[in-house]
Every structure is written in structure tokens, then in C-alpha cells.
Amino acid sequence: MSDATDLNVEDAPEGQEIIQTLPLDAWHRARGGRMVPFAGYEMPVQYEGIMAEHLWTRESAGLFDVSHMGQVVFTGENGLASVAAALEKVLPGDITGLGDRKNRYSLLLNEEGGILDDLMVTKRTLDGAEELYMVVNGATKYDDIAYLLDFIPDDATLNLLDEQALLALQGPKAVDALSRIVPGVEALVFMTAADFSWNDVPLWISRSGYTGEDGYEISIPAEHAAAFADLLCEQAEVKPIGLGARDSLRLEAGLPLYGHDLDPETTPVMADLGFALAKKRREAADFLGAERILAERENGPAVKRVGLTVAGRQPVREGASVVAEDGSVIGRVTSGGFAPSMGAPIAMAYVPTELATPGTTLKLLQRGKTHDATVTAMPFVPHRYVRSGAK
């Protein structure tokens, strides 16, 4: 029977959110992290300042605690074929053809083709057993698990790895710092992963990231996370980085944030995530919402996610309106802020597809004030992933 383990979270009083703590909660506080509620957890928003942390990550290596995210493992009594096939009902990526130790970005879809979450899937073999390892967003992980349990076969098992912490080391010098501690990680390339060991502690490490920079995600037993984080921060290249810089880094990289730029009303084509629709899956058209999604791919969606550069110095935030010359609302800003690497404000918005061409000028309305903006190709800052081997 399909099952999910360790999902017993006490119900909060009505109208009150459950706030959990990360395995590294005390570690963050000891290092001066300013803690705020995020995705149901107390998380560090900054240490020494968002601007400084952002630029440090672009120039060196930043350590992020992303243990709030859900690490999920799928296994099958009769192998992975039936599990992968079942997941393809709700994911438009090629899961059955996923190579060993290869990561794949995908989208969890509802029946209308709307996005319930974006996630990463990896096929791996540990201790002789094949499994699919999935990382989902922290704010949606329990809903994701409940949804997935309706689709996987009875001979499959779904386990939430809530005894694992997850750290992300991002930046051009991440490889230098991590390879001193875990030799061999330099051989990984973008969207690949492998198992490693540190002082007899098992690690699962992938090379990808959410900043546009080269970097790694390290899954480690929670009881060893603080010691490992200490060792990383002893490296000259590494400093701890908070949520504030994580958000400005991903915005510069043109990467959407679930719950802001992605939601159940938004399709992959609207979100400009067509690369997540595998060719063989498009041809089979056998995933949820395929008819709508493929029609949008062929004919264009009504609206599309775009990047915007904003004139002046004032950032335009999520919730601002995109307005026509007559003042009518024609779109919405879903992410926005000041881009430290560019020294200027930028944003992402959904606008009518006919206005989504780079170079198109638009008006943004925020708190009664109008701002000039220009549609700009993303990413705003070039990605620096290592795709063909580390130097």
C-alpha cells in the first residue's frame, strides 16, 4: 500500500499557522541570523545585510539553509517503472527515461494544467536499491505528498525524509570550498548528483541551484548538519546567507518562486517554462492538462511571464499593476525588487502575450504612482552553471 511516513504535525489553533524550527535554528541565531516566519518555519532573512550577502554570493560562495524544503523518496516493490509511469500523469517531464544520478526540473500539475508546485526529481541507486528522490517546496510539501499519494501505485512507497537537513552552497567559489571537505564533488556537472561520505556521514550532493550561480545542494542527516555547516564556514570563501539575498539572487537569475510567480491558475506555457515539457511527453499528450497546455504552446497563451527593467531607483513590488495608456489594468507584477548586481530595480510580471516582446515599454502602478518599465529578456544576470566539467 502506498504510504507516507512521519507526517504527524499537530493542528494549530484555528486561524494560526504552525511555525516549525529548522535543524540549524540555534546555529543561525548564534551567528546573528535575524529570524522570520517563512513557509511555516522560522528562517534567517539576513545576517550582515541583504546587499552584502547578495554580492558575496555572486563573487565567492554563500551557504543557505533550505531544510524547510521537502525531501521525498519513492520506491516500488516491483521496481521503479510503474512508479515513474504514475508520476508522469502529473509531471510533464520524462521521468521513465531519467538517467541514473541525473536531476530533472519538473512541474506538478492539476487537472486544468495549472502548476501546484515546481520540483526536482533524481533517479538514484543507494545500497543496491533504485529510487526516485524528489525535492519540493517547503510551503507546499504536505499538500504535494497528499496529492501524489492519489496517483502512485499500491506497490509503491513514498517517504518524507524529515530527518535530513538540506544545505545549498552557491557561488563561483563553491566548488573550491566544498571540494576541500568532500573530494570528488568537482567532477559533478550541472543537474547531476552522487552519494559521498564525510567522516563516515552519508551525503547526497547535487550540482544545481536557485541563484543562477554554480553550486551544490547537500542532503545530510540533521544531527550532523551544524558540524558540517561550521566546517563550510571555516573556509575563507563561505559565509552564511539569508532569505533576503536568496530572493534577490533568484530574481536576477529570472527564476520563478512558487506562490508568487507560479500558482494553480498558471500553466507552464504562461510561466515561460516550456522547457519542462519533454518532447516525448508532448507527443504522448498523456499528462494532466495536456490538451490546454499543448494548445497554448501551439497558439500562444493569453498572458505570459516576462522580465522587466524599471526606470529610476524605486523598486516595484509584487502586487503592483501593469496598466494600459487609459489606466486599465492589463497585468500584474509577481516579483520585484532592487537588483544589487545591476544597481537598478527589476521585476517579473504577467502581461498579455502581444506585449511580451523584449523592448516593449509598459506602465506599472504602485500605491498610486506610475513607473516606466521595459520588457527584458531573462535572466537579467547570466547563469554560470558548470555544464561540461569543472576546471
Protein backbone atom coordinates (compact mmCIF):
# COMPACT_ATOMS: atom_id res chain seq x y z
CA MET A 1 0.00 0.00 0.00
CA SER A 2 1.27 3.50 -0.80
CA ASP A 3 2.18 5.36 2.36
CA ALA A 4 3.85 8.49 3.67
CA THR A 5 5.74 8.41 6.92
CA ASP A 6 6.25 10.96 9.67
CA LEU A 7 3.61 13.46 8.60
CA ASN A 8 2.18 13.94 12.09
CA VAL A 9 2.18 17.70 12.51
CA GLU A 10 -0.09 18.91 15.31
CA ASP A 11 -3.01 21.05 14.24
CA ALA A 12 -2.56 24.70 15.09
CA PRO A 13 -5.39 26.62 16.75
CA GLU A 14 -7.90 27.84 14.19
CA GLY A 15 -6.52 30.72 12.16
CA GLN A 16 -2.99 30.28 13.48
CA GLU A 17 -0.13 28.97 11.34
CA ILE A 18 2.11 26.22 12.65
CA ILE A 19 5.66 27.57 12.90
CA GLN A 20 8.37 24.91 12.95
CA THR A 21 12.10 25.26 13.55
CA LEU A 22 14.93 24.16 11.30
CA PRO A 23 17.58 21.67 12.48
CA LEU A 24 20.03 24.60 12.35
CA ASP A 25 17.81 27.07 14.22
CA ALA A 26 20.27 27.56 17.11
CA TRP A 27 23.18 27.72 14.64
CA HIS A 28 21.54 30.62 12.76
CA ARG A 29 20.76 32.53 15.94
CA ALA A 30 24.30 32.07 17.27
CA ARG A 31 25.65 33.60 14.04
CA GLY A 32 23.36 36.62 14.26
CA GLY A 33 20.69 35.46 11.83
CA ARG A 34 17.52 37.58 12.04
CA MET A 35 14.73 35.01 12.07
CA VAL A 36 11.36 35.49 10.38
CA PRO A 37 8.41 33.18 9.59
CA PHE A 38 8.65 31.70 6.08
CA ALA A 39 6.88 28.66 4.59
CA GLY A 40 5.83 27.57 8.06
CA TYR A 41 9.34 27.78 9.54
CA GLU A 42 11.46 30.26 11.44
CA MET A 43 14.19 31.10 8.93
CA PRO A 44 17.06 33.61 8.72
CA VAL A 45 16.25 36.57 6.49
CA GLN A 46 19.73 38.08 6.82
CA TYR A 47 22.94 38.12 8.85
CA GLU A 48 25.04 41.18 7.97
CA GLY A 49 22.72 42.67 5.33
CA ILE A 50 20.95 41.62 2.15
CA MET A 51 23.07 43.68 -0.25
CA ALA A 52 26.38 42.46 1.19
CA GLU A 53 25.21 38.85 1.29
CA HIS A 54 23.94 39.02 -2.29
CA LEU A 55 27.21 40.39 -3.66
CA TRP A 56 29.27 37.93 -1.60
CA THR A 57 27.39 35.02 -3.18
CA ARG A 58 27.92 36.41 -6.68
CA GLU A 59 31.65 36.83 -6.02
CA SER A 60 32.50 33.94 -3.69
CA ALA A 61 30.22 31.34 -2.01
CA GLY A 62 27.11 31.64 0.13
CA LEU A 63 25.69 28.96 2.42
CA PHE A 64 21.88 28.73 2.52
CA ASP A 65 19.82 26.54 4.83
CA VAL A 66 16.96 25.12 2.75
CA SER A 67 15.98 22.37 5.18
CA HIS A 68 12.37 23.58 5.07
CA MET A 69 12.04 22.01 1.64
CA GLY A 70 10.55 18.54 1.38
CA GLN A 71 12.90 15.67 0.52
CA VAL A 72 10.79 12.75 -0.68
CA VAL A 73 11.79 9.26 -1.82
CA PHE A 74 9.69 6.91 -3.98
CA THR A 75 10.38 3.17 -4.13
CA GLY A 76 8.47 0.29 -5.67
CA GLU A 77 8.25 -3.36 -4.68
CA ASN A 78 8.49 -4.32 -8.35
CA GLY A 79 10.98 -1.67 -9.44
CA LEU A 80 10.60 1.95 -10.49
CA ALA A 81 8.89 1.54 -13.87
CA SER A 82 5.34 1.70 -12.54
CA VAL A 83 6.21 4.50 -10.12
CA ALA A 84 7.81 6.64 -12.85
CA ALA A 85 4.88 5.99 -15.19
CA ALA A 86 2.43 7.03 -12.48
CA LEU A 87 4.36 10.23 -11.76
CA GLU A 88 4.24 11.11 -15.45
CA LYS A 89 0.48 11.50 -15.08
CA VAL A 90 1.08 14.67 -13.03
CA LEU A 91 4.58 15.68 -14.20
CA PRO A 92 5.15 16.66 -17.87
CA GLY A 93 8.84 15.67 -17.80
CA ASP A 94 10.44 12.43 -18.98
CA ILE A 95 10.65 10.52 -15.70
CA THR A 96 10.77 6.98 -17.14
CA GLY A 97 13.79 7.93 -19.25
CA LEU A 98 15.66 9.70 -16.47
CA GLY A 99 19.27 8.52 -16.26
CA ASP A 100 20.88 7.38 -13.02
CA ARG A 101 22.12 10.30 -10.89
CA LYS A 102 20.54 12.84 -13.24
CA ASN A 103 18.36 15.70 -11.93
CA ARG A 104 15.27 16.90 -13.75
CA TYR A 105 13.27 20.06 -13.11
CA SER A 106 9.54 19.46 -13.43
CA LEU A 107 6.12 20.80 -12.52
CA LEU A 108 3.31 19.24 -10.51
CA LEU A 109 0.09 19.81 -12.46
CA ASN A 110 -3.61 19.83 -11.65
CA GLU A 111 -6.35 18.64 -14.00
CA GLU A 112 -6.53 22.03 -15.73
CA GLY A 113 -2.77 22.13 -16.34
CA GLY A 114 -2.19 24.65 -13.55
CA ILE A 115 1.00 24.44 -11.51
CA LEU A 116 0.70 23.06 -7.97
CA ASP A 117 4.46 23.15 -7.38
CA ASP A 118 7.81 23.15 -9.14
CA LEU A 119 10.30 20.50 -8.07
CA MET A 120 13.41 18.47 -8.82
CA VAL A 121 13.47 14.70 -9.45
CA THR A 122 16.56 12.48 -9.42
CA LYS A 123 16.91 8.79 -10.14
CA ARG A 124 19.45 7.17 -7.83
CA THR A 125 20.64 3.82 -6.53
CA LEU A 126 21.57 3.62 -2.85
CA ASP A 127 22.58 0.39 -1.11
CA GLY A 128 21.63 -1.52 -4.24
CA ALA A 129 18.05 -0.19 -4.34
CA GLU A 130 16.69 2.07 -7.07
CA GLU A 131 14.59 5.05 -6.00
CA LEU A 132 13.36 8.41 -7.15
CA TYR A 133 14.42 11.32 -4.95
CA MET A 134 12.27 14.45 -5.18
CA VAL A 135 12.73 17.90 -3.63
CA VAL A 136 9.57 20.00 -3.34
CA ASN A 137 8.85 23.45 -1.92
CA GLY A 138 8.56 23.78 1.83
CA ALA A 139 5.23 25.63 1.86
CA THR A 140 3.55 23.00 -0.32
CA LYS A 141 5.24 19.75 0.73
CA TYR A 142 2.40 18.26 2.76
CA ASP A 143 -0.17 19.13 0.10
CA ASP A 144 2.15 17.73 -2.58
CA ILE A 145 2.53 14.46 -0.72
CA ALA A 146 -1.21 14.06 -0.19
CA TYR A 147 -1.78 14.75 -3.89
CA LEU A 148 0.94 12.37 -5.09
CA LEU A 149 -0.39 9.55 -2.92
CA ASP A 150 -3.54 9.55 -5.05
CA PHE A 151 -1.52 8.73 -8.17
CA ILE A 152 1.29 6.35 -7.27
CA PRO A 153 0.57 2.60 -7.47
CA ASP A 154 -0.29 0.39 -4.49
CA ASP A 155 3.10 -1.35 -4.61
CA ALA A 156 4.91 2.00 -4.22
CA THR A 157 6.10 3.70 -1.05
CA LEU A 158 6.53 7.43 -0.52
CA ASN A 159 8.75 8.51 2.38
CA LEU A 160 9.37 12.04 3.62
CA LEU A 161 12.99 12.31 4.75
CA ASP A 162 12.32 14.63 7.67
CA GLU A 163 15.50 13.53 9.47
CA GLN A 164 17.58 15.06 6.66
CA ALA A 165 18.75 18.67 6.53
CA LEU A 166 19.37 20.34 3.17
CA LEU A 167 22.07 22.94 2.60
CA ALA A 168 22.79 24.91 -0.58
CA LEU A 169 26.28 26.23 -1.27
CA GLN A 170 26.12 28.73 -4.13
CA GLY A 171 28.63 30.92 -5.92
CA PRO A 172 31.66 30.74 -8.23
CA LYS A 173 33.94 29.58 -5.40
CA ALA A 174 31.55 26.95 -4.02
CA VAL A 175 33.48 24.19 -5.77
CA ASP A 176 36.75 25.30 -4.17
CA ALA A 177 35.32 25.28 -0.67
CA LEU A 178 33.31 22.08 -0.89
CA SER A 179 35.93 20.00 -2.71
CA ARG A 180 38.38 20.52 0.17
CA ILE A 181 35.89 18.90 2.53
CA VAL A 182 34.31 16.38 0.15
CA PRO A 183 36.82 15.43 -2.56
CA GLY A 184 35.19 14.39 -5.81
CA VAL A 185 32.34 16.90 -5.94
CA GLU A 186 34.26 18.85 -8.56
CA ALA A 187 33.55 16.03 -11.04
CA LEU A 188 29.80 16.67 -10.93
CA VAL A 189 28.31 18.91 -13.62
CA PHE A 190 25.07 20.86 -13.74
CA MET A 191 21.98 18.74 -12.98
CA THR A 192 23.89 15.66 -11.84
CA ALA A 193 24.20 14.15 -8.36
CA ALA A 194 26.00 11.43 -6.42
CA ASP A 195 26.46 9.96 -2.96
CA PHE A 196 29.52 10.94 -0.93
CA SER A 197 30.80 10.47 2.60
CA TRP A 198 32.21 12.92 5.14
CA ASN A 199 33.63 11.47 8.38
CA ASP A 200 31.52 8.36 7.71
CA VAL A 201 28.39 10.54 7.42
CA PRO A 202 26.48 9.81 4.19
CA LEU A 203 25.85 12.80 1.94
CA TRP A 204 23.74 13.16 -1.18
CA ILE A 205 25.06 16.05 -3.26
CA SER A 206 23.70 17.55 -6.48
CA ARG A 207 25.16 20.34 -8.59
CA SER A 208 22.48 22.86 -9.46
CA GLY A 209 20.98 25.82 -7.68
CA TYR A 210 18.50 28.64 -7.37
CA THR A 211 20.78 31.65 -7.77
CA GLY A 212 21.99 31.28 -11.36
CA GLU A 213 25.47 30.61 -9.98
CA ASP A 214 27.38 27.35 -9.89
CA GLY A 215 26.73 25.49 -6.68
CA TYR A 216 25.62 22.43 -4.77
CA GLU A 217 22.77 21.09 -2.66
CA ILE A 218 23.85 18.82 0.19
CA SER A 219 21.43 16.45 1.89
CA ILE A 220 22.85 15.42 5.27
CA PRO A 221 21.44 13.77 8.42
CA ALA A 222 20.10 16.63 10.54
CA GLU A 223 22.16 15.63 13.57
CA HIS A 224 25.38 16.32 11.64
CA ALA A 225 24.24 19.49 9.82
CA ALA A 226 25.62 22.02 12.32
CA ALA A 227 29.11 20.50 12.36
CA PHE A 228 29.16 20.37 8.56
CA ALA A 229 27.92 23.97 8.29
CA ASP A 230 30.61 25.06 10.77
CA LEU A 231 33.28 23.42 8.64
CA LEU A 232 31.98 25.05 5.48
CA CYS A 233 32.00 28.47 7.12
CA GLU A 234 35.61 27.94 8.21
CA GLN A 235 36.51 28.08 4.52
CA ALA A 236 37.57 31.58 3.50
CA GLU A 237 35.15 31.61 0.56
CA VAL A 238 31.99 30.86 2.57
CA LYS A 239 29.55 32.99 4.58
CA PRO A 240 26.00 32.17 5.73
CA ILE A 241 23.34 33.89 3.62
CA GLY A 242 19.70 34.59 4.41
CA LEU A 243 16.36 34.54 2.61
CA GLY A 244 16.59 38.17 1.54
CA ALA A 245 19.62 37.63 -0.67
CA ARG A 246 18.28 34.28 -1.84
CA ASP A 247 15.25 36.13 -3.22
CA SER A 248 17.21 38.90 -4.93
CA LEU A 249 19.64 36.36 -6.42
CA ARG A 250 16.87 34.19 -7.88
CA LEU A 251 15.10 37.28 -9.23
CA GLU A 252 18.26 38.38 -11.07
CA ALA A 253 18.52 34.82 -12.41
CA GLY A 254 14.96 35.06 -13.76
CA LEU A 255 13.83 32.07 -11.70
CA PRO A 256 10.18 31.93 -10.57
CA LEU A 257 9.14 31.46 -6.95
CA TYR A 258 6.18 29.20 -6.25
CA GLY A 259 3.27 31.00 -4.61
CA HIS A 260 4.32 34.25 -6.25
CA ASP A 261 5.22 33.74 -9.92
CA LEU A 262 3.66 30.26 -10.11
CA ASP A 263 0.27 29.11 -8.84
CA PRO A 264 -2.59 26.72 -9.68
CA GLU A 265 -4.07 29.21 -12.16
CA THR A 266 -0.83 29.41 -14.14
CA THR A 267 0.22 26.91 -16.81
CA PRO A 268 3.81 26.03 -17.83
CA VAL A 269 3.39 27.95 -21.09
CA MET A 270 2.09 31.06 -19.34
CA ALA A 271 5.05 30.82 -16.95
CA ASP A 272 7.53 30.56 -19.85
CA LEU A 273 8.64 27.14 -18.58
CA GLY A 274 8.07 25.26 -21.82
CA PHE A 275 11.49 23.57 -21.47
CA ALA A 276 9.93 21.43 -18.71
CA LEU A 277 7.60 19.82 -21.28
CA ALA A 278 9.62 16.87 -22.61
CA LYS A 279 9.26 16.16 -26.33
CA LYS A 280 8.14 12.55 -25.84
CA ARG A 281 5.57 13.71 -23.28
CA ARG A 282 4.24 16.39 -25.65
CA GLU A 283 3.87 13.73 -28.31
CA ALA A 284 2.09 11.35 -25.92
CA ALA A 285 -0.08 14.17 -24.50
CA ASP A 286 -0.94 11.92 -21.56
CA PHE A 287 -0.36 14.23 -18.58
CA LEU A 288 -2.95 16.29 -16.72
CA GLY A 289 -3.95 19.43 -18.58
CA ALA A 290 -2.16 18.32 -21.75
CA GLU A 291 -4.90 19.50 -24.12
CA ARG A 292 -4.88 23.03 -22.73
CA ILE A 293 -1.10 23.24 -22.35
CA LEU A 294 -0.36 21.99 -25.86
CA ALA A 295 -2.97 24.32 -27.34
CA GLU A 296 -1.29 27.24 -25.57
CA ARG A 297 2.07 26.07 -26.82
CA GLU A 298 0.76 26.00 -30.38
CA ASN A 299 -1.33 29.17 -30.36
CA GLY A 300 0.17 31.20 -27.52
CA PRO A 301 -1.27 31.77 -24.04
CA ALA A 302 -3.40 34.77 -23.12
CA VAL A 303 -0.69 36.05 -20.77
CA LYS A 304 2.98 35.32 -20.30
CA ARG A 305 5.63 35.81 -17.61
CA VAL A 306 8.19 38.43 -18.59
CA GLY A 307 11.15 40.24 -17.08
CA LEU A 308 11.01 44.00 -16.58
CA THR A 309 13.65 46.64 -16.03
CA VAL A 310 12.16 49.57 -14.13
CA ALA A 311 13.17 53.17 -14.72
CA GLY A 312 14.57 55.14 -11.78
CA ARG A 313 15.67 53.74 -8.44
CA GLN A 314 12.37 52.83 -6.77
CA PRO A 315 11.65 49.07 -6.72
CA VAL A 316 8.20 47.94 -7.83
CA ARG A 317 6.98 45.08 -5.66
CA GLU A 318 4.69 42.09 -6.02
CA GLY A 319 1.06 43.18 -6.36
CA ALA A 320 1.69 46.25 -8.49
CA SER A 321 -0.47 46.52 -11.61
CA VAL A 322 0.56 46.68 -15.25
CA VAL A 323 -1.68 49.34 -16.81
CA ALA A 324 -2.60 50.44 -20.31
CA GLU A 325 -2.48 54.06 -21.53
CA ASP A 326 -6.13 54.51 -20.49
CA GLY A 327 -5.33 53.31 -16.97
CA SER A 328 -6.99 49.91 -17.28
CA VAL A 329 -5.23 47.01 -15.57
CA ILE A 330 -3.78 44.54 -18.07
CA GLY A 331 -1.30 42.57 -15.96
CA ARG A 332 0.31 42.10 -12.57
CA VAL A 333 3.77 42.17 -11.03
CA THR A 334 4.54 38.89 -9.24
CA SER A 335 8.11 39.56 -8.04
CA GLY A 336 10.11 42.75 -7.84
CA GLY A 337 12.98 44.41 -6.05
CA PHE A 338 16.32 46.11 -6.34
CA ALA A 339 18.96 44.08 -8.19
CA PRO A 340 22.30 44.57 -6.37
CA SER A 341 24.35 43.16 -9.24
CA MET A 342 22.76 45.60 -11.68
CA GLY A 343 22.30 48.62 -9.43
CA ALA A 344 18.71 49.01 -10.63
CA PRO A 345 15.18 47.77 -9.90
CA ILE A 346 13.83 44.76 -11.81
CA ALA A 347 10.62 42.74 -11.72
CA MET A 348 8.71 39.83 -13.19
CA ALA A 349 5.11 40.20 -14.33
CA TYR A 350 2.35 38.55 -16.31
CA VAL A 351 1.28 40.60 -19.31
CA PRO A 352 -0.78 39.94 -22.47
CA THR A 353 1.31 37.83 -24.84
CA GLU A 354 1.23 40.52 -27.51
CA LEU A 355 3.13 42.78 -25.07
CA ALA A 356 5.70 40.18 -24.06
CA THR A 357 8.35 41.02 -26.68
CA PRO A 358 11.63 42.37 -25.27
CA GLY A 359 11.84 46.13 -25.79
CA THR A 360 8.12 46.73 -25.23
CA THR A 361 7.51 49.65 -22.87
CA LEU A 362 4.88 49.36 -20.13
CA LYS A 363 3.47 51.34 -17.22
CA LEU A 364 3.39 49.96 -13.67
CA LEU A 365 1.08 51.32 -10.98
CA GLN A 366 2.13 51.02 -7.32
CA ARG A 367 0.44 52.90 -4.47
CA GLY A 368 -0.95 55.49 -6.86
CA LYS A 369 2.41 56.19 -8.51
CA THR A 370 3.23 55.23 -12.11
CA HIS A 371 6.60 53.74 -13.07
CA ASP A 372 8.02 53.22 -16.57
CA ALA A 373 9.23 49.70 -17.36
CA THR A 374 10.65 47.81 -20.32
CA VAL A 375 10.18 44.12 -21.12
CA THR A 376 13.60 42.47 -20.89
CA ALA A 377 14.87 39.00 -21.75
CA MET A 378 15.69 36.83 -18.74
CA PRO A 379 17.90 36.00 -16.96
CA PHE A 380 18.79 39.55 -16.03
CA VAL A 381 22.22 38.31 -14.87
CA PRO A 382 23.75 35.48 -16.95
CA HIS A 383 23.70 32.00 -15.44
CA ARG A 384 27.09 30.48 -14.62
CA TYR A 385 26.30 26.79 -14.33
CA VAL A 386 29.09 24.27 -14.99
CA ARG A 387 27.70 22.16 -17.78
CA SER A 388 30.76 20.42 -19.22
CA GLY A 389 33.00 19.66 -16.27
CA ALA A 390 34.75 21.71 -13.60
CA LYS A 391 38.15 23.24 -14.20
